[in-house]
Amino acid sequence: MDSILQEIYDGILEGRNAQVVDSLQAALSQGQSPENILNLAMIPAMRQAGQLFEEGEYFLPEMLLSARTMQGGMTVLKPYLINQKVSPAGKVAIGTVKGDQHDIGKNLVAILLEGAGFEVVDLGVNVDTETFVQTVREQSVDMLALSALLTTTMPSMKTTIDALIQAGLRDRVKILVGGAPITESYAHQIGADGYAPDASRAATLALSLMKASNSYA
């Protein structure tokens, strides 16, 4: 890997935000392609951070630090990617369901999805069913990611999926669910397309679902 790309990779992995911003600007001034910077340094760094998290080498503070550094880097890189017309991996709308105000997990998933190359529409917390349905109808999203941290708000996930079916929109999107009380069996029970136990696996699952969807398109 080119030395400047290595600096970006290492900086994201170690959560050194100022270094990553400086290295990104240096790479761009040297004529590095924004797409190469994203695909050869930034996405692999977040993938490695996710792997370390899954293996227990990283804990939530380290993961959040890497994710925030990635987000800071994306702020610098995004205008260049737009100018170069780099196509996103897909478009994902994400939100914490009605009645639930928790956002740390949702925010981390959103950052990792963006780091994996997705365009992310963050709907925030306490998102009602109609907002999810309207977003699918009006914003041409490929995927909906629903988060819940409370057992009392879990039923809102099924309510949202049922509303999409009733509106004739269910076939337009893949639906991912996650959060502390959610399980694989619950995801299957409510008709979701996938469940991820943590943020890094949510991004991996989103990529695999998009790949499968595109292969059948």
N, C-alpha and C. Protein backbone atom coordinates (compact mmCIF):
# COMPACT_ATOMS: atom_id res chain seq x y z
N MET A 1 0.84 -1.19 0.00
CA MET A 1 0.00 0.00 0.00
C MET A 1 0.89 1.25 0.00
N ASP A 2 0.51 2.24 -0.79
CA ASP A 2 1.19 3.53 -0.81
C ASP A 2 1.31 4.09 0.61
N SER A 3 2.41 4.78 0.90
CA SER A 3 2.67 5.24 2.28
C SER A 3 1.60 6.19 2.80
N ILE A 4 1.09 7.07 1.93
CA ILE A 4 0.07 8.02 2.39
C ILE A 4 -1.25 7.30 2.66
N LEU A 5 -1.54 6.29 1.85
CA LEU A 5 -2.74 5.47 2.10
C LEU A 5 -2.58 4.67 3.39
N GLN A 6 -1.36 4.20 3.64
CA GLN A 6 -1.09 3.48 4.88
C GLN A 6 -1.31 4.38 6.09
N GLU A 7 -0.91 5.64 5.97
CA GLU A 7 -1.13 6.60 7.06
C GLU A 7 -2.62 6.77 7.35
N ILE A 8 -3.41 6.86 6.29
CA ILE A 8 -4.86 7.01 6.44
C ILE A 8 -5.45 5.76 7.10
N TYR A 9 -5.03 4.60 6.60
CA TYR A 9 -5.49 3.31 7.15
C TYR A 9 -5.16 3.23 8.64
N ASP A 10 -3.89 3.48 8.99
CA ASP A 10 -3.46 3.37 10.38
C ASP A 10 -4.17 4.40 11.27
N GLY A 11 -4.35 5.61 10.72
CA GLY A 11 -4.99 6.67 11.50
C GLY A 11 -6.43 6.35 11.85
N ILE A 12 -7.17 5.77 10.90
CA ILE A 12 -8.56 5.37 11.18
C ILE A 12 -8.57 4.24 12.18
N LEU A 13 -7.71 3.27 11.99
CA LEU A 13 -7.68 2.11 12.88
C LEU A 13 -7.36 2.53 14.32
N GLU A 14 -6.52 3.54 14.46
CA GLU A 14 -6.09 3.98 15.79
C GLU A 14 -6.85 5.22 16.28
N GLY A 15 -7.81 5.70 15.49
CA GLY A 15 -8.64 6.81 15.94
C GLY A 15 -7.94 8.15 16.00
N ARG A 16 -7.01 8.40 15.08
CA ARG A 16 -6.27 9.67 15.09
C ARG A 16 -6.89 10.60 14.04
N ASN A 17 -7.90 11.33 14.47
CA ASN A 17 -8.72 12.12 13.54
C ASN A 17 -7.92 13.19 12.81
N ALA A 18 -7.14 14.01 13.56
CA ALA A 18 -6.40 15.11 12.94
C ALA A 18 -5.40 14.59 11.91
N GLN A 19 -4.74 13.48 12.24
CA GLN A 19 -3.78 12.89 11.31
C GLN A 19 -4.46 12.43 10.02
N VAL A 20 -5.64 11.81 10.17
CA VAL A 20 -6.35 11.30 9.00
C VAL A 20 -6.76 12.45 8.09
N VAL A 21 -7.27 13.54 8.67
CA VAL A 21 -7.66 14.71 7.87
C VAL A 21 -6.45 15.27 7.12
N ASP A 22 -5.33 15.41 7.82
CA ASP A 22 -4.10 15.92 7.17
C ASP A 22 -3.63 14.98 6.06
N SER A 23 -3.65 13.68 6.34
CA SER A 23 -3.19 12.70 5.36
C SER A 23 -4.11 12.65 4.15
N LEU A 24 -5.41 12.79 4.38
CA LEU A 24 -6.36 12.82 3.27
C LEU A 24 -6.10 14.01 2.36
N GLN A 25 -5.90 15.17 2.96
CA GLN A 25 -5.65 16.37 2.17
C GLN A 25 -4.34 16.25 1.39
N ALA A 26 -3.33 15.63 2.03
CA ALA A 26 -2.06 15.41 1.35
C ALA A 26 -2.23 14.45 0.18
N ALA A 27 -2.98 13.37 0.41
CA ALA A 27 -3.20 12.38 -0.65
C ALA A 27 -3.93 12.99 -1.83
N LEU A 28 -4.94 13.81 -1.56
CA LEU A 28 -5.70 14.44 -2.63
C LEU A 28 -4.83 15.44 -3.40
N SER A 29 -3.98 16.18 -2.67
CA SER A 29 -3.10 17.16 -3.33
C SER A 29 -2.03 16.47 -4.19
N GLN A 30 -1.71 15.21 -3.82
CA GLN A 30 -0.74 14.44 -4.60
C GLN A 30 -1.38 13.79 -5.83
N GLY A 31 -2.70 13.94 -5.95
CA GLY A 31 -3.40 13.39 -7.11
C GLY A 31 -3.96 12.00 -6.91
N GLN A 32 -4.00 11.55 -5.65
CA GLN A 32 -4.61 10.25 -5.38
C GLN A 32 -6.10 10.30 -5.72
N SER A 33 -6.60 9.26 -6.34
CA SER A 33 -8.02 9.18 -6.68
C SER A 33 -8.86 9.05 -5.41
N PRO A 34 -9.93 9.85 -5.26
CA PRO A 34 -10.82 9.71 -4.10
C PRO A 34 -11.35 8.28 -3.95
N GLU A 35 -11.64 7.64 -5.08
CA GLU A 35 -12.16 6.27 -5.05
C GLU A 35 -11.11 5.32 -4.50
N ASN A 36 -9.84 5.51 -4.89
CA ASN A 36 -8.77 4.66 -4.36
C ASN A 36 -8.57 4.87 -2.86
N ILE A 37 -8.62 6.14 -2.44
CA ILE A 37 -8.47 6.43 -1.02
C ILE A 37 -9.55 5.72 -0.22
N LEU A 38 -10.78 5.78 -0.73
CA LEU A 38 -11.90 5.14 -0.03
C LEU A 38 -11.75 3.62 -0.02
N ASN A 39 -11.49 3.05 -1.20
CA ASN A 39 -11.52 1.59 -1.34
C ASN A 39 -10.25 0.88 -0.89
N LEU A 40 -9.11 1.59 -0.93
CA LEU A 40 -7.84 0.94 -0.57
C LEU A 40 -7.39 1.25 0.85
N ALA A 41 -7.91 2.31 1.45
CA ALA A 41 -7.46 2.69 2.80
C ALA A 41 -8.59 2.78 3.81
N MET A 42 -9.62 3.56 3.48
CA MET A 42 -10.64 3.86 4.49
C MET A 42 -11.56 2.68 4.79
N ILE A 43 -12.13 2.10 3.75
CA ILE A 43 -13.02 0.95 3.96
C ILE A 43 -12.26 -0.24 4.57
N PRO A 44 -11.05 -0.58 4.07
CA PRO A 44 -10.32 -1.68 4.71
C PRO A 44 -9.99 -1.40 6.19
N ALA A 45 -9.72 -0.14 6.53
CA ALA A 45 -9.42 0.19 7.93
C ALA A 45 -10.65 -0.08 8.82
N MET A 46 -11.84 0.34 8.34
CA MET A 46 -13.05 0.10 9.14
C MET A 46 -13.39 -1.38 9.18
N ARG A 47 -13.09 -2.09 8.10
CA ARG A 47 -13.33 -3.53 8.09
C ARG A 47 -12.44 -4.22 9.13
N GLN A 48 -11.18 -3.77 9.21
CA GLN A 48 -10.26 -4.33 10.20
C GLN A 48 -10.68 -3.97 11.62
N ALA A 49 -11.13 -2.73 11.82
CA ALA A 49 -11.63 -2.33 13.15
C ALA A 49 -12.81 -3.20 13.56
N GLY A 50 -13.70 -3.46 12.61
CA GLY A 50 -14.85 -4.33 12.90
C GLY A 50 -14.42 -5.74 13.24
N GLN A 51 -13.41 -6.24 12.52
CA GLN A 51 -12.89 -7.58 12.79
C GLN A 51 -12.29 -7.65 14.19
N LEU A 52 -11.52 -6.63 14.56
CA LEU A 52 -10.92 -6.60 15.90
C LEU A 52 -11.99 -6.52 16.98
N PHE A 53 -13.07 -5.81 16.69
CA PHE A 53 -14.19 -5.71 17.63
C PHE A 53 -14.85 -7.07 17.82
N GLU A 54 -15.09 -7.76 16.70
CA GLU A 54 -15.71 -9.09 16.78
C GLU A 54 -14.83 -10.08 17.53
N GLU A 55 -13.52 -9.91 17.41
CA GLU A 55 -12.59 -10.85 18.05
C GLU A 55 -12.29 -10.49 19.51
N GLY A 56 -12.84 -9.37 19.97
CA GLY A 56 -12.63 -8.96 21.35
C GLY A 56 -11.33 -8.20 21.58
N GLU A 57 -10.63 -7.84 20.50
CA GLU A 57 -9.41 -7.05 20.62
C GLU A 57 -9.74 -5.57 20.81
N TYR A 58 -10.82 -5.14 20.18
CA TYR A 58 -11.33 -3.78 20.37
C TYR A 58 -12.61 -3.86 21.19
N PHE A 59 -12.83 -2.84 21.99
CA PHE A 59 -14.08 -2.72 22.74
C PHE A 59 -14.82 -1.50 22.20
N LEU A 60 -16.01 -1.23 22.73
CA LEU A 60 -16.85 -0.17 22.18
C LEU A 60 -16.14 1.18 22.09
N PRO A 61 -15.37 1.63 23.10
CA PRO A 61 -14.70 2.93 22.97
C PRO A 61 -13.74 3.00 21.79
N GLU A 62 -12.96 1.93 21.57
CA GLU A 62 -12.03 1.91 20.44
C GLU A 62 -12.78 1.90 19.11
N MET A 63 -13.87 1.13 19.08
CA MET A 63 -14.67 1.04 17.87
C MET A 63 -15.30 2.39 17.52
N LEU A 64 -15.82 3.06 18.55
CA LEU A 64 -16.43 4.37 18.33
C LEU A 64 -15.39 5.39 17.87
N LEU A 65 -14.19 5.31 18.43
CA LEU A 65 -13.12 6.24 18.04
C LEU A 65 -12.74 6.05 16.58
N SER A 66 -12.60 4.79 16.16
CA SER A 66 -12.31 4.53 14.75
C SER A 66 -13.45 5.01 13.86
N ALA A 67 -14.68 4.75 14.30
CA ALA A 67 -15.85 5.13 13.50
C ALA A 67 -15.96 6.64 13.36
N ARG A 68 -15.69 7.37 14.44
CA ARG A 68 -15.76 8.83 14.37
C ARG A 68 -14.63 9.40 13.50
N THR A 69 -13.47 8.74 13.54
CA THR A 69 -12.36 9.17 12.68
C THR A 69 -12.71 8.92 11.22
N MET A 70 -13.35 7.78 10.95
CA MET A 70 -13.82 7.49 9.61
C MET A 70 -14.83 8.54 9.15
N GLN A 71 -15.74 8.91 10.05
CA GLN A 71 -16.75 9.91 9.72
C GLN A 71 -16.10 11.26 9.40
N GLY A 72 -15.09 11.63 10.19
CA GLY A 72 -14.37 12.88 9.92
C GLY A 72 -13.68 12.83 8.56
N GLY A 73 -13.10 11.69 8.24
CA GLY A 73 -12.45 11.52 6.94
C GLY A 73 -13.45 11.59 5.80
N MET A 74 -14.63 11.00 5.99
CA MET A 74 -15.65 11.02 4.95
C MET A 74 -16.15 12.44 4.68
N THR A 75 -16.16 13.27 5.72
CA THR A 75 -16.56 14.68 5.54
C THR A 75 -15.61 15.38 4.57
N VAL A 76 -14.32 15.05 4.69
CA VAL A 76 -13.32 15.63 3.77
C VAL A 76 -13.48 15.04 2.37
N LEU A 77 -13.67 13.73 2.30
CA LEU A 77 -13.62 13.03 1.01
C LEU A 77 -14.92 13.13 0.20
N LYS A 78 -16.05 13.26 0.89
CA LYS A 78 -17.35 13.15 0.21
C LYS A 78 -17.51 14.13 -0.97
N PRO A 79 -17.13 15.41 -0.84
CA PRO A 79 -17.29 16.30 -2.00
C PRO A 79 -16.51 15.83 -3.23
N TYR A 80 -15.34 15.24 -3.01
CA TYR A 80 -14.53 14.73 -4.12
C TYR A 80 -15.18 13.51 -4.76
N LEU A 81 -15.77 12.66 -3.91
CA LEU A 81 -16.45 11.48 -4.44
C LEU A 81 -17.66 11.88 -5.28
N ILE A 82 -18.39 12.90 -4.80
CA ILE A 82 -19.55 13.38 -5.54
C ILE A 82 -19.11 13.96 -6.89
N ASN A 83 -18.05 14.75 -6.87
CA ASN A 83 -17.54 15.34 -8.12
C ASN A 83 -17.09 14.27 -9.10
N GLN A 84 -16.54 13.17 -8.55
CA GLN A 84 -16.05 12.09 -9.41
C GLN A 84 -17.18 11.13 -9.79
N LYS A 85 -18.37 11.39 -9.22
CA LYS A 85 -19.55 10.56 -9.49
C LYS A 85 -19.30 9.08 -9.16
N VAL A 86 -18.71 8.84 -7.99
CA VAL A 86 -18.50 7.46 -7.54
C VAL A 86 -19.84 6.91 -7.06
N SER A 87 -20.27 5.81 -7.63
CA SER A 87 -21.56 5.24 -7.27
C SER A 87 -21.51 4.58 -5.90
N PRO A 88 -22.50 4.87 -5.04
CA PRO A 88 -22.53 4.21 -3.74
C PRO A 88 -22.90 2.74 -3.87
N ALA A 89 -22.61 1.97 -2.82
CA ALA A 89 -22.96 0.54 -2.82
C ALA A 89 -24.47 0.34 -2.80
N GLY A 90 -25.17 1.35 -2.33
CA GLY A 90 -26.63 1.29 -2.21
C GLY A 90 -27.06 2.43 -1.30
N LYS A 91 -28.37 2.55 -1.12
CA LYS A 91 -28.90 3.62 -0.27
C LYS A 91 -29.68 3.00 0.89
N VAL A 92 -29.31 3.38 2.10
CA VAL A 92 -29.92 2.80 3.30
C VAL A 92 -30.53 3.89 4.15
N ALA A 93 -31.78 3.70 4.57
CA ALA A 93 -32.40 4.56 5.57
C ALA A 93 -32.32 3.84 6.91
N ILE A 94 -31.90 4.56 7.95
CA ILE A 94 -31.73 3.94 9.26
C ILE A 94 -32.40 4.79 10.32
N GLY A 95 -32.99 4.12 11.31
CA GLY A 95 -33.60 4.87 12.41
C GLY A 95 -33.91 3.96 13.59
N THR A 96 -34.00 4.58 14.76
CA THR A 96 -34.46 3.88 15.96
C THR A 96 -35.98 3.99 15.99
N VAL A 97 -36.66 2.89 16.27
CA VAL A 97 -38.12 2.83 16.10
C VAL A 97 -38.87 3.67 17.14
N LYS A 98 -40.15 3.84 16.88
CA LYS A 98 -41.05 4.65 17.71
C LYS A 98 -40.97 4.24 19.18
N GLY A 99 -40.83 5.25 20.05
CA GLY A 99 -40.81 5.02 21.49
C GLY A 99 -39.42 4.82 22.06
N ASP A 100 -38.39 4.73 21.18
CA ASP A 100 -37.03 4.44 21.63
C ASP A 100 -36.12 5.61 21.29
N GLN A 101 -35.44 6.16 22.30
CA GLN A 101 -34.59 7.34 22.12
C GLN A 101 -33.10 7.00 22.02
N HIS A 102 -32.75 5.72 22.04
CA HIS A 102 -31.34 5.33 22.05
C HIS A 102 -30.73 5.47 20.65
N ASP A 103 -29.52 6.03 20.60
CA ASP A 103 -28.94 6.25 19.27
C ASP A 103 -27.47 5.86 19.12
N ILE A 104 -26.80 5.43 20.19
CA ILE A 104 -25.37 5.11 20.04
C ILE A 104 -25.16 3.97 19.05
N GLY A 105 -25.89 2.89 19.23
CA GLY A 105 -25.76 1.75 18.31
C GLY A 105 -26.17 2.11 16.91
N LYS A 106 -27.27 2.83 16.78
CA LYS A 106 -27.76 3.25 15.47
C LYS A 106 -26.74 4.15 14.78
N ASN A 107 -26.14 5.08 15.53
CA ASN A 107 -25.15 5.99 14.95
C ASN A 107 -23.91 5.23 14.46
N LEU A 108 -23.49 4.24 15.25
CA LEU A 108 -22.32 3.45 14.87
C LEU A 108 -22.60 2.65 13.61
N VAL A 109 -23.78 2.04 13.52
CA VAL A 109 -24.15 1.30 12.31
C VAL A 109 -24.17 2.25 11.10
N ALA A 110 -24.72 3.44 11.29
CA ALA A 110 -24.78 4.41 10.18
C ALA A 110 -23.39 4.77 9.68
N ILE A 111 -22.46 5.00 10.61
CA ILE A 111 -21.10 5.35 10.22
C ILE A 111 -20.43 4.19 9.47
N LEU A 112 -20.63 2.97 9.97
CA LEU A 112 -20.00 1.82 9.33
C LEU A 112 -20.62 1.53 7.97
N LEU A 113 -21.92 1.77 7.83
CA LEU A 113 -22.56 1.61 6.52
C LEU A 113 -21.98 2.63 5.54
N GLU A 114 -21.82 3.86 6.00
CA GLU A 114 -21.22 4.88 5.14
C GLU A 114 -19.78 4.49 4.79
N GLY A 115 -19.07 3.97 5.79
CA GLY A 115 -17.70 3.54 5.56
C GLY A 115 -17.61 2.36 4.60
N ALA A 116 -18.68 1.58 4.50
CA ALA A 116 -18.71 0.46 3.57
C ALA A 116 -19.15 0.89 2.17
N GLY A 117 -19.40 2.19 2.01
CA GLY A 117 -19.72 2.71 0.69
C GLY A 117 -21.18 3.00 0.43
N PHE A 118 -22.03 2.90 1.45
CA PHE A 118 -23.45 3.17 1.27
C PHE A 118 -23.76 4.65 1.44
N GLU A 119 -24.77 5.12 0.72
CA GLU A 119 -25.38 6.42 1.00
C GLU A 119 -26.37 6.18 2.14
N VAL A 120 -26.25 6.95 3.22
CA VAL A 120 -27.07 6.71 4.41
C VAL A 120 -28.01 7.88 4.67
N VAL A 121 -29.29 7.54 4.86
CA VAL A 121 -30.30 8.52 5.27
C VAL A 121 -30.61 8.22 6.74
N ASP A 122 -30.12 9.08 7.64
CA ASP A 122 -30.30 8.85 9.07
C ASP A 122 -31.58 9.55 9.52
N LEU A 123 -32.58 8.78 9.89
CA LEU A 123 -33.88 9.32 10.29
C LEU A 123 -33.95 9.68 11.77
N GLY A 124 -32.89 9.32 12.52
CA GLY A 124 -32.84 9.67 13.93
C GLY A 124 -33.49 8.65 14.84
N VAL A 125 -34.01 9.14 15.96
CA VAL A 125 -34.63 8.25 16.97
C VAL A 125 -36.13 8.50 17.04
N ASN A 126 -36.82 7.56 17.70
CA ASN A 126 -38.28 7.70 17.91
C ASN A 126 -38.99 7.91 16.57
N VAL A 127 -38.60 7.11 15.58
CA VAL A 127 -39.15 7.26 14.22
C VAL A 127 -40.45 6.48 14.09
N ASP A 128 -41.51 7.16 13.72
CA ASP A 128 -42.80 6.47 13.61
C ASP A 128 -42.90 5.69 12.30
N THR A 129 -43.86 4.80 12.26
CA THR A 129 -44.03 3.90 11.11
C THR A 129 -44.23 4.67 9.82
N GLU A 130 -45.05 5.71 9.86
CA GLU A 130 -45.35 6.47 8.64
C GLU A 130 -44.10 7.11 8.05
N THR A 131 -43.17 7.55 8.91
CA THR A 131 -41.94 8.15 8.40
C THR A 131 -41.10 7.12 7.66
N PHE A 132 -41.00 5.91 8.22
CA PHE A 132 -40.28 4.84 7.52
C PHE A 132 -40.94 4.54 6.17
N VAL A 133 -42.26 4.41 6.17
CA VAL A 133 -42.98 4.10 4.93
C VAL A 133 -42.80 5.22 3.91
N GLN A 134 -42.92 6.46 4.36
CA GLN A 134 -42.78 7.61 3.46
C GLN A 134 -41.37 7.68 2.87
N THR A 135 -40.38 7.35 3.69
CA THR A 135 -38.99 7.37 3.22
C THR A 135 -38.78 6.34 2.11
N VAL A 136 -39.31 5.14 2.31
CA VAL A 136 -39.20 4.10 1.28
C VAL A 136 -39.93 4.54 0.00
N ARG A 137 -41.07 5.15 0.18
CA ARG A 137 -41.87 5.57 -0.98
C ARG A 137 -41.20 6.70 -1.76
N GLU A 138 -40.59 7.65 -1.05
CA GLU A 138 -40.15 8.88 -1.70
C GLU A 138 -38.64 8.97 -1.98
N GLN A 139 -37.83 8.17 -1.27
CA GLN A 139 -36.38 8.36 -1.40
C GLN A 139 -35.65 7.21 -2.10
N SER A 140 -36.39 6.27 -2.62
CA SER A 140 -35.78 5.17 -3.40
C SER A 140 -34.64 4.48 -2.66
N VAL A 141 -34.88 4.17 -1.38
CA VAL A 141 -33.84 3.46 -0.63
C VAL A 141 -33.86 1.98 -0.99
N ASP A 142 -32.68 1.37 -0.92
CA ASP A 142 -32.57 -0.06 -1.20
C ASP A 142 -32.78 -0.89 0.06
N MET A 143 -32.55 -0.25 1.20
CA MET A 143 -32.54 -0.99 2.45
C MET A 143 -33.04 -0.11 3.59
N LEU A 144 -33.70 -0.76 4.55
CA LEU A 144 -34.18 -0.09 5.75
C LEU A 144 -33.54 -0.79 6.93
N ALA A 145 -32.89 -0.02 7.82
CA ALA A 145 -32.25 -0.59 9.00
C ALA A 145 -32.98 -0.06 10.24
N LEU A 146 -33.59 -0.98 11.00
CA LEU A 146 -34.40 -0.62 12.16
C LEU A 146 -33.68 -1.02 13.44
N SER A 147 -33.60 -0.09 14.38
CA SER A 147 -32.91 -0.35 15.64
C SER A 147 -33.86 -0.22 16.81
N ALA A 148 -33.69 -1.07 17.82
CA ALA A 148 -34.45 -0.97 19.07
C ALA A 148 -33.57 -1.45 20.21
N LEU A 149 -33.58 -0.72 21.31
CA LEU A 149 -32.81 -1.13 22.49
C LEU A 149 -33.71 -1.59 23.63
N LEU A 150 -35.00 -1.30 23.53
CA LEU A 150 -35.94 -1.66 24.59
C LEU A 150 -36.87 -2.78 24.13
N THR A 151 -37.15 -3.73 25.01
CA THR A 151 -38.09 -4.80 24.65
C THR A 151 -39.47 -4.22 24.36
N THR A 152 -39.80 -3.11 25.00
CA THR A 152 -41.13 -2.51 24.79
C THR A 152 -41.30 -1.88 23.42
N THR A 153 -40.18 -1.58 22.74
CA THR A 153 -40.29 -0.96 21.41
C THR A 153 -40.09 -1.96 20.27
N MET A 154 -39.73 -3.18 20.62
CA MET A 154 -39.53 -4.20 19.57
C MET A 154 -40.74 -4.37 18.65
N PRO A 155 -41.99 -4.36 19.20
CA PRO A 155 -43.14 -4.55 18.31
C PRO A 155 -43.26 -3.49 17.21
N SER A 156 -42.64 -2.32 17.41
CA SER A 156 -42.68 -1.28 16.37
C SER A 156 -42.01 -1.74 15.09
N MET A 157 -41.06 -2.67 15.21
CA MET A 157 -40.41 -3.21 14.01
C MET A 157 -41.41 -3.98 13.16
N LYS A 158 -42.19 -4.83 13.81
CA LYS A 158 -43.20 -5.59 13.06
C LYS A 158 -44.27 -4.67 12.49
N THR A 159 -44.66 -3.66 13.28
CA THR A 159 -45.65 -2.70 12.80
C THR A 159 -45.16 -2.02 11.53
N THR A 160 -43.90 -1.66 11.49
CA THR A 160 -43.32 -1.01 10.31
C THR A 160 -43.30 -1.94 9.11
N ILE A 161 -42.88 -3.18 9.32
CA ILE A 161 -42.85 -4.15 8.22
C ILE A 161 -44.26 -4.42 7.69
N ASP A 162 -45.22 -4.57 8.61
CA ASP A 162 -46.61 -4.79 8.20
C ASP A 162 -47.15 -3.59 7.40
N ALA A 163 -46.78 -2.38 7.81
CA ALA A 163 -47.23 -1.18 7.11
C ALA A 163 -46.65 -1.11 5.70
N LEU A 164 -45.39 -1.55 5.55
CA LEU A 164 -44.78 -1.58 4.22
C LEU A 164 -45.48 -2.59 3.32
N ILE A 165 -45.86 -3.72 3.89
CA ILE A 165 -46.61 -4.73 3.13
C ILE A 165 -47.95 -4.14 2.68
N GLN A 166 -48.64 -3.50 3.62
CA GLN A 166 -49.95 -2.93 3.33
C GLN A 166 -49.86 -1.83 2.26
N ALA A 167 -48.75 -1.09 2.27
CA ALA A 167 -48.57 -0.01 1.29
C ALA A 167 -48.05 -0.52 -0.06
N GLY A 168 -47.78 -1.83 -0.15
CA GLY A 168 -47.27 -2.40 -1.38
C GLY A 168 -45.82 -2.07 -1.66
N LEU A 169 -45.06 -1.76 -0.58
CA LEU A 169 -43.67 -1.33 -0.74
C LEU A 169 -42.65 -2.34 -0.23
N ARG A 170 -43.12 -3.42 0.38
CA ARG A 170 -42.19 -4.35 1.04
C ARG A 170 -41.16 -4.92 0.08
N ASP A 171 -41.58 -5.20 -1.15
CA ASP A 171 -40.66 -5.82 -2.11
C ASP A 171 -39.59 -4.86 -2.62
N ARG A 172 -39.73 -3.58 -2.31
CA ARG A 172 -38.75 -2.59 -2.78
C ARG A 172 -37.47 -2.58 -1.95
N VAL A 173 -37.57 -3.02 -0.71
CA VAL A 173 -36.44 -2.86 0.21
C VAL A 173 -36.08 -4.14 0.95
N LYS A 174 -34.79 -4.24 1.28
CA LYS A 174 -34.34 -5.23 2.23
C LYS A 174 -34.43 -4.58 3.62
N ILE A 175 -34.79 -5.38 4.62
CA ILE A 175 -34.95 -4.83 5.96
C ILE A 175 -34.00 -5.53 6.93
N LEU A 176 -33.15 -4.72 7.58
CA LEU A 176 -32.24 -5.21 8.61
C LEU A 176 -32.75 -4.75 9.96
N VAL A 177 -32.63 -5.61 10.97
CA VAL A 177 -33.00 -5.22 12.33
C VAL A 177 -31.85 -5.53 13.28
N GLY A 178 -31.78 -4.74 14.37
CA GLY A 178 -30.74 -4.98 15.35
C GLY A 178 -31.02 -4.21 16.62
N GLY A 179 -30.20 -4.48 17.64
CA GLY A 179 -30.38 -3.87 18.94
C GLY A 179 -30.28 -4.93 20.02
N ALA A 180 -30.03 -4.51 21.24
CA ALA A 180 -29.75 -5.45 22.33
C ALA A 180 -30.78 -6.56 22.51
N PRO A 181 -32.10 -6.28 22.46
CA PRO A 181 -33.06 -7.36 22.71
C PRO A 181 -33.41 -8.20 21.49
N ILE A 182 -32.92 -7.81 20.32
CA ILE A 182 -33.31 -8.48 19.07
C ILE A 182 -32.51 -9.76 18.88
N THR A 183 -33.15 -10.77 18.34
CA THR A 183 -32.49 -12.04 18.05
C THR A 183 -32.75 -12.44 16.60
N GLU A 184 -31.99 -13.41 16.16
CA GLU A 184 -32.19 -13.95 14.80
C GLU A 184 -33.60 -14.50 14.64
N SER A 185 -34.09 -15.21 15.65
CA SER A 185 -35.42 -15.81 15.54
C SER A 185 -36.50 -14.73 15.50
N TYR A 186 -36.31 -13.66 16.26
CA TYR A 186 -37.30 -12.58 16.23
C TYR A 186 -37.31 -11.90 14.86
N ALA A 187 -36.13 -11.69 14.30
CA ALA A 187 -36.04 -11.09 12.96
C ALA A 187 -36.80 -11.94 11.95
N HIS A 188 -36.62 -13.25 12.03
CA HIS A 188 -37.32 -14.16 11.12
C HIS A 188 -38.83 -14.11 11.36
N GLN A 189 -39.20 -14.06 12.63
CA GLN A 189 -40.62 -14.06 13.02
C GLN A 189 -41.37 -12.85 12.46
N ILE A 190 -40.72 -11.68 12.45
CA ILE A 190 -41.41 -10.47 11.99
C ILE A 190 -41.24 -10.22 10.49
N GLY A 191 -40.47 -11.08 9.83
CA GLY A 191 -40.34 -10.96 8.38
C GLY A 191 -39.23 -10.06 7.89
N ALA A 192 -38.22 -9.82 8.74
CA ALA A 192 -37.06 -9.04 8.30
C ALA A 192 -36.16 -9.89 7.40
N ASP A 193 -35.32 -9.24 6.62
CA ASP A 193 -34.40 -9.96 5.73
C ASP A 193 -33.11 -10.35 6.41
N GLY A 194 -32.80 -9.68 7.52
CA GLY A 194 -31.55 -10.01 8.19
C GLY A 194 -31.45 -9.39 9.57
N TYR A 195 -30.58 -9.97 10.39
CA TYR A 195 -30.32 -9.49 11.74
C TYR A 195 -28.82 -9.50 11.96
N ALA A 196 -28.31 -8.45 12.61
CA ALA A 196 -26.89 -8.40 12.94
C ALA A 196 -26.75 -8.11 14.44
N PRO A 197 -25.88 -8.86 15.12
CA PRO A 197 -25.72 -8.67 16.57
C PRO A 197 -24.86 -7.46 16.94
N ASP A 198 -24.12 -6.90 15.96
CA ASP A 198 -23.32 -5.71 16.25
C ASP A 198 -23.14 -4.90 14.97
N ALA A 199 -22.57 -3.71 15.12
CA ALA A 199 -22.50 -2.76 14.01
C ALA A 199 -21.64 -3.26 12.85
N SER A 200 -20.50 -3.86 13.14
CA SER A 200 -19.62 -4.28 12.05
C SER A 200 -20.28 -5.37 11.21
N ARG A 201 -20.99 -6.27 11.89
CA ARG A 201 -21.67 -7.33 11.13
C ARG A 201 -22.90 -6.80 10.39
N ALA A 202 -23.46 -5.69 10.87
CA ALA A 202 -24.58 -5.06 10.15
C ALA A 202 -24.10 -4.56 8.79
N ALA A 203 -22.92 -3.93 8.76
CA ALA A 203 -22.38 -3.43 7.50
C ALA A 203 -22.05 -4.57 6.55
N THR A 204 -21.47 -5.63 7.08
CA THR A 204 -21.13 -6.81 6.27
C THR A 204 -22.39 -7.44 5.70
N LEU A 205 -23.42 -7.56 6.54
CA LEU A 205 -24.68 -8.15 6.10
C LEU A 205 -25.35 -7.29 5.03
N ALA A 206 -25.30 -5.97 5.22
CA ALA A 206 -25.90 -5.07 4.24
C ALA A 206 -25.23 -5.25 2.87
N LEU A 207 -23.92 -5.36 2.86
CA LEU A 207 -23.20 -5.57 1.60
C LEU A 207 -23.60 -6.90 0.94
N SER A 208 -23.71 -7.94 1.75
CA SER A 208 -24.05 -9.26 1.20
C SER A 208 -25.49 -9.27 0.66
N LEU A 209 -26.41 -8.57 1.34
CA LEU A 209 -27.78 -8.51 0.87
C LEU A 209 -27.88 -7.72 -0.43
N MET A 210 -27.10 -6.64 -0.53
CA MET A 210 -27.10 -5.87 -1.77
C MET A 210 -26.52 -6.68 -2.92
N LYS A 211 -25.46 -7.42 -2.62
CA LYS A 211 -24.83 -8.25 -3.66
C LYS A 211 -25.81 -9.32 -4.14
N ALA A 212 -26.51 -9.96 -3.20
CA ALA A 212 -27.49 -10.98 -3.56
C ALA A 212 -28.64 -10.37 -4.35
N SER A 213 -29.08 -9.20 -3.92
CA SER A 213 -30.18 -8.53 -4.61
C SER A 213 -29.80 -8.16 -6.03
N ASN A 214 -28.58 -7.64 -6.20
CA ASN A 214 -28.13 -7.23 -7.53
C ASN A 214 -27.93 -8.43 -8.45
N SER A 215 -27.56 -9.57 -7.88
CA SER A 215 -27.33 -10.75 -8.70
C SER A 215 -28.63 -11.32 -9.27
N TYR A 216 -29.76 -10.96 -8.61
CA TYR A 216 -31.04 -11.44 -9.09
C TYR A 216 -31.83 -10.36 -9.84
N ALA A 217 -31.19 -9.17 -9.94
CA ALA A 217 -31.90 -8.05 -10.58
C ALA A 217 -32.00 -8.27 -12.08
